Amino acid sequence: MAASLQAQPSISLQEAIAMAMNRYPALKASRLHTQSTLAMQRTARDFGNLELSMGGEEIGRGNDAVTTLLAARQNLDIFSVKARWQRLQQETRVAHATTRVLEQQLQLQVSSAYAADQMARLRLELYRKQAELYTRFVEAARLRYDTRAASLLEYQSAQSEHRRVELNVIEAEKDVEKAHIDLSRWLSPDTLYQSDTVIVDEQVATSAAMLGAHPAIVLANEKVKLASDISKEMRANALPKLYVELGSQMIGSRLGYWSWSVGVSVPVDMGANKARRQSALVEIEKAHTELNDQQWRIDVHNRQLNCDYSKWQRTVEYYRKSALPLANEQRRNALLSYREGQIGYLDFIQALKTTMDVEFSYIDAYQKLLETKFNIEYYRNK
């Protein structure tokens, strides 16, 4: 972080997304680019520079030379104004669509970082719970050692396991801090934020209509239109250009004479213009191909996500209804059985490891469920 980190205020998911939308520099830059393209639309009617000149003609030895006091020439590219205007308008639409894609991507990234922050805190809570349980385990091992029901090696092994778990707590605390930093990098350069509300993992789904209106599809469509408008502008640029010239002249010492001329310029190299038009047609076909590719990939990925969501939803439901309650019961029974001497310290450690594996697996499955949910929402046009 560039500046010193301040306190860690809590923030809800919706507040985090709104803050990122307002503050994230890349998104601001994209919006400024849209404003720039909008301002450039006023250049569509740019006819070029006004040329001013002076000169003389038929200048000899003492003759009445023709002196051009001032000549003004204006080029008129009137046949390409409409095509240029349409192309500039379409560039603005492409810029706006690009911003919408960035907004959708930013929402996904903030949501994923928010979920990761919550999961890091859940892991820390689990390690702290484990450390508290090992503290009672060491107390029980000390009592058994004092009563000669356990050996010194068993008591020392219990202490060693306790220190290992305490180290896990320290590492988990650093992981939580890192998760705060990862979440905050989308929100602020000098303040650490932490997740607040619990994310609801309700059922989500997308329809074909949602996919068709996704910002990435809209952007691909706008690029197709832009390629078509560029092709039209190229054809318009090959049309004749006009010019008008007016001048004030003096013949000898007599003023009050005027000159004018009107002309037209036409392209001579027809081969070059034809090559440009062919290149523009290829760009249109390329834009259509990219649109089809985008639609294909989004459709396939969305179907895969719906399958993954169903899988992780069942897995999380299994842990919540069956595996977690059983793990909690095993944890309580393991400590009680060790205190009463029904099991040894190795059995206790193995039982606790089994319950911890179950709870960590639940957290991993829950995080995958939330990540899948956010990816599905990425394809929903909201």
Protein backbone atom coordinates (compact mmCIF):
# COMPACT_ATOMS: atom_id res chain seq x y z
CA MET A 1 0.00 0.00 0.00
CA ALA A 2 1.37 3.40 -0.96
CA ALA A 3 0.25 5.30 2.14
CA SER A 4 0.12 4.31 5.78
CA LEU A 5 -2.70 1.91 6.57
CA GLN A 6 -5.43 3.17 8.86
CA ALA A 7 -8.02 1.30 10.92
CA GLN A 8 -10.12 -1.54 9.53
CA PRO A 9 -13.69 -0.34 9.10
CA SER A 10 -16.28 -2.95 8.19
CA ILE A 11 -18.12 -2.64 4.90
CA SER A 12 -20.97 -4.52 3.29
CA LEU A 13 -20.68 -6.14 -0.11
CA GLN A 14 -22.97 -3.61 -1.79
CA GLU A 15 -21.11 -0.71 -0.20
CA ALA A 16 -17.80 -2.17 -1.36
CA ILE A 17 -19.05 -2.51 -4.93
CA ALA A 18 -20.44 1.04 -4.93
CA MET A 19 -17.17 2.44 -3.55
CA ALA A 20 -15.11 0.58 -6.17
CA MET A 21 -17.38 1.88 -8.94
CA ASN A 22 -16.77 5.47 -7.79
CA ARG A 23 -13.08 5.28 -6.92
CA TYR A 24 -11.23 2.65 -8.94
CA PRO A 25 -8.74 4.47 -11.23
CA ALA A 26 -9.01 2.17 -14.26
CA LEU A 27 -12.77 2.65 -14.34
CA LYS A 28 -12.38 6.42 -13.99
CA ALA A 29 -9.95 6.40 -16.92
CA SER A 30 -12.42 4.45 -19.04
CA ARG A 31 -15.19 6.94 -18.28
CA LEU A 32 -12.89 9.83 -19.17
CA HIS A 33 -12.10 8.12 -22.47
CA THR A 34 -15.84 7.97 -23.18
CA GLN A 35 -16.10 11.71 -22.51
CA SER A 36 -13.15 12.28 -24.84
CA THR A 37 -14.79 10.39 -27.70
CA LEU A 38 -18.01 12.32 -27.08
CA ALA A 39 -16.12 15.62 -27.38
CA MET A 40 -14.48 14.43 -30.60
CA GLN A 41 -17.88 14.17 -32.31
CA ARG A 42 -17.75 17.93 -32.87
CA THR A 43 -14.83 17.41 -35.24
CA ALA A 44 -17.05 15.67 -37.81
CA ARG A 45 -17.72 18.98 -39.57
CA ASP A 46 -14.06 19.97 -39.71
CA PHE A 47 -13.51 21.14 -43.31
CA GLY A 48 -9.82 21.82 -42.85
CA ASN A 49 -7.71 24.96 -42.51
CA LEU A 50 -8.41 28.27 -44.21
CA GLU A 51 -5.40 29.10 -46.40
CA LEU A 52 -4.37 32.76 -46.75
CA SER A 53 -1.73 33.90 -49.24
CA MET A 54 -0.25 36.87 -51.11
CA GLY A 55 1.62 37.00 -54.40
CA GLY A 56 2.18 38.58 -57.73
CA GLU A 57 1.84 37.70 -61.44
CA GLU A 58 3.21 39.00 -64.73
CA ILE A 59 5.85 41.05 -63.00
CA GLY A 60 8.19 42.62 -65.59
CA ARG A 61 10.21 45.76 -66.14
CA GLY A 62 7.91 48.63 -65.36
CA ASN A 63 4.77 46.85 -66.53
CA ASP A 64 1.43 46.81 -64.78
CA ALA A 65 1.92 43.69 -62.73
CA VAL A 66 -0.99 41.83 -61.18
CA THR A 67 -0.53 41.74 -57.42
CA THR A 68 -2.67 39.53 -55.25
CA LEU A 69 -3.13 41.48 -52.05
CA LEU A 70 -4.91 38.66 -50.21
CA ALA A 71 -6.20 35.27 -51.33
CA ALA A 72 -8.32 32.97 -49.19
CA ARG A 73 -8.81 29.29 -50.05
CA GLN A 74 -11.12 26.87 -48.24
CA ASN A 75 -11.23 23.13 -48.88
CA LEU A 76 -14.71 21.58 -48.66
CA ASP A 77 -14.92 17.89 -47.82
CA ILE A 78 -18.70 17.86 -47.70
CA PHE A 79 -19.34 14.33 -48.99
CA SER A 80 -17.70 12.53 -46.04
CA VAL A 81 -19.20 14.57 -43.18
CA LYS A 82 -22.11 12.20 -42.53
CA ALA A 83 -19.94 9.07 -42.59
CA ARG A 84 -17.37 10.68 -40.30
CA TRP A 85 -20.13 11.76 -37.89
CA GLN A 86 -21.55 8.23 -37.75
CA ARG A 87 -18.10 6.74 -37.13
CA LEU A 88 -17.39 9.17 -34.26
CA GLN A 89 -20.77 8.45 -32.69
CA GLN A 90 -20.09 4.73 -32.90
CA GLU A 91 -16.69 5.17 -31.27
CA THR A 92 -18.49 6.79 -28.33
CA ARG A 93 -20.85 3.82 -28.10
CA VAL A 94 -17.89 1.42 -28.14
CA ALA A 95 -16.18 3.40 -25.38
CA HIS A 96 -19.35 3.34 -23.29
CA ALA A 97 -19.76 -0.41 -23.81
CA THR A 98 -16.13 -0.94 -22.80
CA THR A 99 -16.81 0.93 -19.57
CA ARG A 100 -19.81 -1.31 -18.88
CA VAL A 101 -17.61 -4.40 -19.32
CA LEU A 102 -15.07 -2.98 -16.87
CA GLU A 103 -17.84 -2.24 -14.38
CA GLN A 104 -19.10 -5.81 -14.61
CA GLN A 105 -15.57 -7.21 -14.22
CA LEU A 106 -14.87 -4.91 -11.27
CA GLN A 107 -18.04 -6.08 -9.53
CA LEU A 108 -16.92 -9.71 -9.96
CA GLN A 109 -13.42 -8.98 -8.64
CA VAL A 110 -14.70 -7.05 -5.61
CA SER A 111 -17.23 -9.78 -4.81
CA SER A 112 -14.56 -12.50 -5.05
CA ALA A 113 -12.19 -10.52 -2.81
CA TYR A 114 -15.05 -9.95 -0.35
CA ALA A 115 -15.79 -13.69 -0.20
CA ALA A 116 -12.08 -14.48 0.22
CA ASP A 117 -11.93 -12.04 3.13
CA GLN A 118 -14.84 -13.77 4.84
CA MET A 119 -13.34 -17.22 4.30
CA ALA A 120 -9.99 -16.07 5.73
CA ARG A 121 -11.78 -14.91 8.86
CA LEU A 122 -13.64 -18.22 9.13
CA ARG A 123 -10.34 -20.09 8.92
CA LEU A 124 -8.87 -17.87 11.61
CA GLU A 125 -11.86 -18.55 13.88
CA LEU A 126 -11.42 -22.26 13.32
CA TYR A 127 -7.71 -22.13 14.16
CA ARG A 128 -8.48 -20.15 17.31
CA LYS A 129 -11.09 -22.70 18.29
CA GLN A 130 -8.51 -25.41 17.73
CA ALA A 131 -5.94 -23.53 19.83
CA GLU A 132 -8.44 -23.19 22.67
CA LEU A 133 -9.18 -26.90 22.50
CA TYR A 134 -5.46 -27.74 22.54
CA THR A 135 -5.04 -25.53 25.60
CA ARG A 136 -7.54 -27.75 27.44
CA PHE A 137 -5.79 -30.77 25.95
CA VAL A 138 -2.46 -29.68 27.45
CA GLU A 139 -4.15 -29.10 30.80
CA ALA A 140 -5.60 -32.59 30.68
CA ALA A 141 -2.23 -34.05 29.66
CA ARG A 142 -0.56 -32.24 32.57
CA LEU A 143 -3.15 -33.63 34.96
CA ARG A 144 -2.64 -37.14 33.64
CA TYR A 145 1.12 -36.73 33.89
CA ASP A 146 0.88 -35.49 37.48
CA THR A 147 -1.24 -38.50 38.39
CA ARG A 148 1.18 -40.79 36.52
CA ALA A 149 -1.57 -41.81 34.11
CA ALA A 150 0.52 -40.53 31.19
CA SER A 151 4.22 -40.33 30.43
CA LEU A 152 6.39 -37.23 30.19
CA LEU A 153 6.72 -37.85 26.46
CA GLU A 154 2.95 -37.70 26.06
CA TYR A 155 2.76 -34.43 28.00
CA GLN A 156 5.59 -32.91 25.95
CA SER A 157 3.97 -34.06 22.70
CA ALA A 158 0.76 -32.33 23.74
CA GLN A 159 2.71 -29.12 24.38
CA SER A 160 4.42 -29.43 20.98
CA GLU A 161 1.08 -29.83 19.20
CA HIS A 162 -0.23 -26.82 21.08
CA ARG A 163 2.68 -24.66 19.88
CA ARG A 164 2.13 -25.84 16.31
CA VAL A 165 -1.53 -24.82 16.47
CA GLU A 166 -0.57 -21.42 17.93
CA LEU A 167 1.73 -20.92 14.94
CA ASN A 168 -1.20 -21.76 12.65
CA VAL A 169 -3.19 -19.02 14.39
CA ILE A 170 -0.42 -16.47 13.72
CA GLU A 171 -0.27 -17.49 10.05
CA ALA A 172 -4.07 -17.30 9.76
CA GLU A 173 -4.01 -13.79 11.23
CA LYS A 174 -1.55 -12.75 8.51
CA ASP A 175 -3.80 -14.38 5.90
CA VAL A 176 -6.71 -12.29 7.20
CA GLU A 177 -4.61 -9.13 6.96
CA LYS A 178 -3.64 -10.07 3.42
CA ALA A 179 -7.31 -10.65 2.58
CA HIS A 180 -8.13 -7.18 3.95
CA ILE A 181 -5.44 -5.70 1.72
CA ASP A 182 -6.71 -7.59 -1.33
CA LEU A 183 -10.26 -6.34 -0.71
CA SER A 184 -9.15 -2.78 0.02
CA ARG A 185 -7.04 -2.44 -3.14
CA TRP A 186 -10.28 -2.10 -5.11
CA LEU A 187 -11.65 0.51 -2.69
CA SER A 188 -8.95 2.80 -1.30
CA PRO A 189 -5.14 3.15 -1.45
CA ASP A 190 -4.70 4.08 2.22
CA THR A 191 -7.47 2.39 4.26
CA LEU A 192 -7.97 -1.26 5.14
CA TYR A 193 -11.52 -2.54 4.91
CA GLN A 194 -12.93 -5.84 6.11
CA SER A 195 -16.09 -7.69 5.14
CA ASP A 196 -19.12 -7.12 7.31
CA THR A 197 -22.32 -8.90 6.37
CA VAL A 198 -22.59 -12.60 5.63
CA ILE A 199 -23.04 -13.32 1.92
CA VAL A 200 -26.31 -15.06 1.15
CA ASP A 201 -25.78 -18.00 -1.18
CA GLU A 202 -29.27 -18.05 -2.69
CA GLN A 203 -29.95 -19.87 -5.94
CA VAL A 204 -28.93 -17.90 -9.01
CA ALA A 205 -29.38 -18.62 -12.69
CA THR A 206 -29.13 -16.92 -16.05
CA SER A 207 -31.36 -17.06 -19.09
CA ALA A 208 -30.53 -16.76 -22.77
CA ALA A 209 -31.93 -13.22 -22.76
CA MET A 210 -29.56 -12.25 -19.94
CA LEU A 211 -26.59 -13.66 -21.82
CA GLY A 212 -27.53 -11.78 -24.99
CA ALA A 213 -27.65 -8.48 -23.09
CA HIS A 214 -24.35 -9.04 -21.28
CA PRO A 215 -21.95 -6.06 -21.60
CA ALA A 216 -19.31 -8.22 -23.32
CA ILE A 217 -21.82 -9.20 -26.02
CA VAL A 218 -23.02 -5.61 -26.33
CA LEU A 219 -19.41 -4.46 -26.74
CA ALA A 220 -18.75 -7.05 -29.46
CA ASN A 221 -21.90 -5.91 -31.29
CA GLU A 222 -20.84 -2.27 -31.08
CA LYS A 223 -17.42 -3.18 -32.52
CA VAL A 224 -19.15 -4.81 -35.49
CA LYS A 225 -21.09 -1.59 -36.10
CA LEU A 226 -17.90 0.45 -35.73
CA ALA A 227 -16.11 -1.66 -38.33
CA SER A 228 -19.05 -1.09 -40.69
CA ASP A 229 -18.99 2.68 -40.08
CA ILE A 230 -15.23 2.80 -40.70
CA SER A 231 -15.81 1.04 -44.03
CA LYS A 232 -18.46 3.61 -44.98
CA GLU A 233 -16.12 6.45 -44.05
CA MET A 234 -13.38 4.98 -46.24
CA ARG A 235 -15.75 4.91 -49.20
CA ALA A 236 -16.78 8.49 -48.47
CA ASN A 237 -13.15 9.62 -48.28
CA ALA A 238 -12.68 8.41 -51.85
CA LEU A 239 -15.36 10.84 -53.10
CA PRO A 240 -14.31 14.13 -54.77
CA LYS A 241 -13.17 17.08 -52.63
CA LEU A 242 -14.13 20.65 -53.48
CA TYR A 243 -12.34 23.93 -52.88
CA VAL A 244 -13.24 27.62 -53.24
CA GLU A 245 -10.73 30.47 -53.55
CA LEU A 246 -11.30 34.23 -53.50
CA GLY A 247 -8.69 36.97 -53.88
CA SER A 248 -8.30 40.76 -53.90
CA GLN A 249 -5.95 42.03 -56.64
CA MET A 250 -4.23 45.19 -57.77
CA ILE A 251 -3.11 45.82 -61.37
CA GLY A 252 -0.36 48.31 -61.42
CA SER A 253 -1.56 51.06 -59.10
CA ARG A 254 -5.24 50.37 -59.65
CA LEU A 255 -7.24 48.61 -56.93
CA GLY A 256 -10.67 46.99 -56.94
CA TYR A 257 -9.97 43.85 -58.93
CA TRP A 258 -11.09 40.42 -57.74
CA SER A 259 -10.32 36.83 -58.56
CA TRP A 260 -12.08 33.57 -57.81
CA SER A 261 -11.70 29.93 -58.58
CA VAL A 262 -13.65 26.75 -57.81
CA GLY A 263 -12.14 23.32 -58.18
CA VAL A 264 -12.52 19.65 -57.46
CA SER A 265 -9.99 16.96 -56.58
CA VAL A 266 -10.53 13.28 -57.31
CA PRO A 267 -8.44 10.31 -56.22
CA VAL A 268 -6.17 8.99 -58.92
CA ASP A 269 -4.82 5.82 -57.33
CA MET A 270 -7.96 3.66 -57.53
CA GLY A 271 -5.96 0.58 -56.57
CA ALA A 272 -5.10 2.04 -53.17
CA ASN A 273 -8.73 2.93 -52.47
CA LYS A 274 -9.83 -0.53 -53.48
CA ALA A 275 -7.26 -2.08 -51.12
CA ARG A 276 -8.51 0.09 -48.25
CA ARG A 277 -12.11 -0.97 -48.88
CA GLN A 278 -11.10 -4.63 -48.99
CA SER A 279 -9.24 -4.22 -45.69
CA ALA A 280 -12.33 -2.60 -44.15
CA LEU A 281 -14.51 -5.52 -45.29
CA VAL A 282 -12.07 -7.96 -43.71
CA GLU A 283 -12.27 -5.99 -40.44
CA ILE A 284 -16.06 -6.27 -40.51
CA GLU A 285 -15.83 -10.04 -40.96
CA LYS A 286 -13.27 -10.20 -38.18
CA ALA A 287 -15.59 -8.27 -35.82
CA HIS A 288 -18.45 -10.66 -36.65
CA THR A 289 -16.18 -13.64 -35.92
CA GLU A 290 -15.15 -12.16 -32.56
CA LEU A 291 -18.81 -11.59 -31.71
CA ASN A 292 -19.67 -15.21 -32.48
CA ASP A 293 -16.68 -16.38 -30.45
CA GLN A 294 -17.73 -14.22 -27.49
CA GLN A 295 -21.28 -15.56 -27.61
CA TRP A 296 -20.05 -19.14 -27.85
CA ARG A 297 -17.61 -18.86 -24.95
CA ILE A 298 -20.08 -17.08 -22.68
CA ASP A 299 -22.80 -19.64 -23.36
CA VAL A 300 -20.50 -22.61 -22.67
CA HIS A 301 -18.94 -21.04 -19.59
CA ASN A 302 -22.34 -20.14 -18.16
CA ARG A 303 -23.60 -23.72 -18.54
CA GLN A 304 -20.46 -25.00 -16.81
CA LEU A 305 -20.99 -22.53 -13.98
CA ASN A 306 -24.59 -23.65 -13.47
CA CYS A 307 -23.37 -27.25 -13.15
CA ASP A 308 -20.66 -26.22 -10.70
CA TYR A 309 -23.11 -24.20 -8.65
CA SER A 310 -25.45 -27.16 -8.30
CA LYS A 311 -22.51 -29.36 -7.25
CA TRP A 312 -21.14 -26.98 -4.63
CA GLN A 313 -24.61 -26.20 -3.32
CA ARG A 314 -25.21 -29.90 -2.60
CA THR A 315 -21.74 -30.21 -1.05
CA VAL A 316 -22.27 -27.24 1.28
CA GLU A 317 -25.70 -28.53 2.24
CA TYR A 318 -24.17 -31.92 3.10
CA TYR A 319 -21.55 -30.34 5.34
CA ARG A 320 -24.09 -28.13 7.13
CA LYS A 321 -26.64 -30.86 7.76
CA SER A 322 -24.42 -33.89 8.35
CA ALA A 323 -20.65 -33.49 8.43
CA LEU A 324 -20.31 -30.37 10.61
CA PRO A 325 -22.68 -31.49 13.41
CA LEU A 326 -20.89 -34.85 13.52
CA ALA A 327 -17.48 -33.16 13.60
CA ASN A 328 -18.55 -30.96 16.53
CA GLU A 329 -19.76 -34.02 18.40
CA GLN A 330 -16.51 -35.89 17.69
CA ARG A 331 -14.49 -32.94 18.97
CA ARG A 332 -16.35 -32.82 22.28
CA ASN A 333 -16.17 -36.58 22.73
CA ALA A 334 -12.45 -36.69 21.91
CA LEU A 335 -11.49 -34.27 24.69
CA LEU A 336 -13.83 -35.93 27.19
CA SER A 337 -12.52 -39.40 26.32
CA TYR A 338 -8.92 -38.26 26.69
CA ARG A 339 -9.58 -36.71 30.09
CA GLU A 340 -11.16 -39.95 31.28
CA GLY A 341 -8.30 -41.98 29.88
CA GLN A 342 -10.40 -43.86 27.34
CA ILE A 343 -8.10 -42.84 24.46
CA GLY A 344 -4.43 -41.86 24.20
CA TYR A 345 -3.01 -38.58 22.97
CA LEU A 346 -2.37 -39.96 19.47
CA ASP A 347 -6.03 -40.95 19.15
CA PHE A 348 -7.04 -37.51 20.38
CA ILE A 349 -4.77 -35.74 17.86
CA GLN A 350 -6.05 -37.93 15.01
CA ALA A 351 -9.68 -37.33 15.99
CA LEU A 352 -9.12 -33.58 16.15
CA LYS A 353 -7.30 -33.59 12.80
CA THR A 354 -10.25 -35.41 11.24
CA THR A 355 -12.75 -32.84 12.53
CA MET A 356 -10.52 -29.96 11.39
CA ASP A 357 -10.23 -31.45 7.91
CA VAL A 358 -14.02 -31.60 7.72
CA GLU A 359 -14.44 -27.96 8.75
CA PHE A 360 -11.70 -26.71 6.42
CA SER A 361 -13.22 -28.71 3.56
CA TYR A 362 -16.56 -27.04 4.33
CA ILE A 363 -14.95 -23.58 4.16
CA ASP A 364 -13.28 -24.44 0.85
CA ALA A 365 -16.58 -25.72 -0.58
CA TYR A 366 -18.42 -22.65 0.70
CA GLN A 367 -15.86 -20.34 -0.94
CA LYS A 368 -16.18 -22.21 -4.25
CA LEU A 369 -19.97 -21.92 -4.00
CA LEU A 370 -19.74 -18.14 -3.51
CA GLU A 371 -17.18 -17.72 -6.31
CA THR A 372 -19.42 -19.70 -8.66
CA LYS A 373 -22.40 -17.58 -7.61
CA PHE A 374 -20.50 -14.36 -8.38
CA ASN A 375 -19.35 -15.70 -11.74
CA ILE A 376 -22.95 -16.57 -12.64
CA GLU A 377 -24.05 -13.07 -11.61
CA TYR A 378 -21.32 -11.72 -13.90
CA TYR A 379 -23.39 -12.97 -16.83
CA ARG A 380 -26.61 -11.48 -15.55
CA ASN A 381 -27.51 -8.12 -17.04
CA LYS A 382 -28.55 -6.18 -13.94
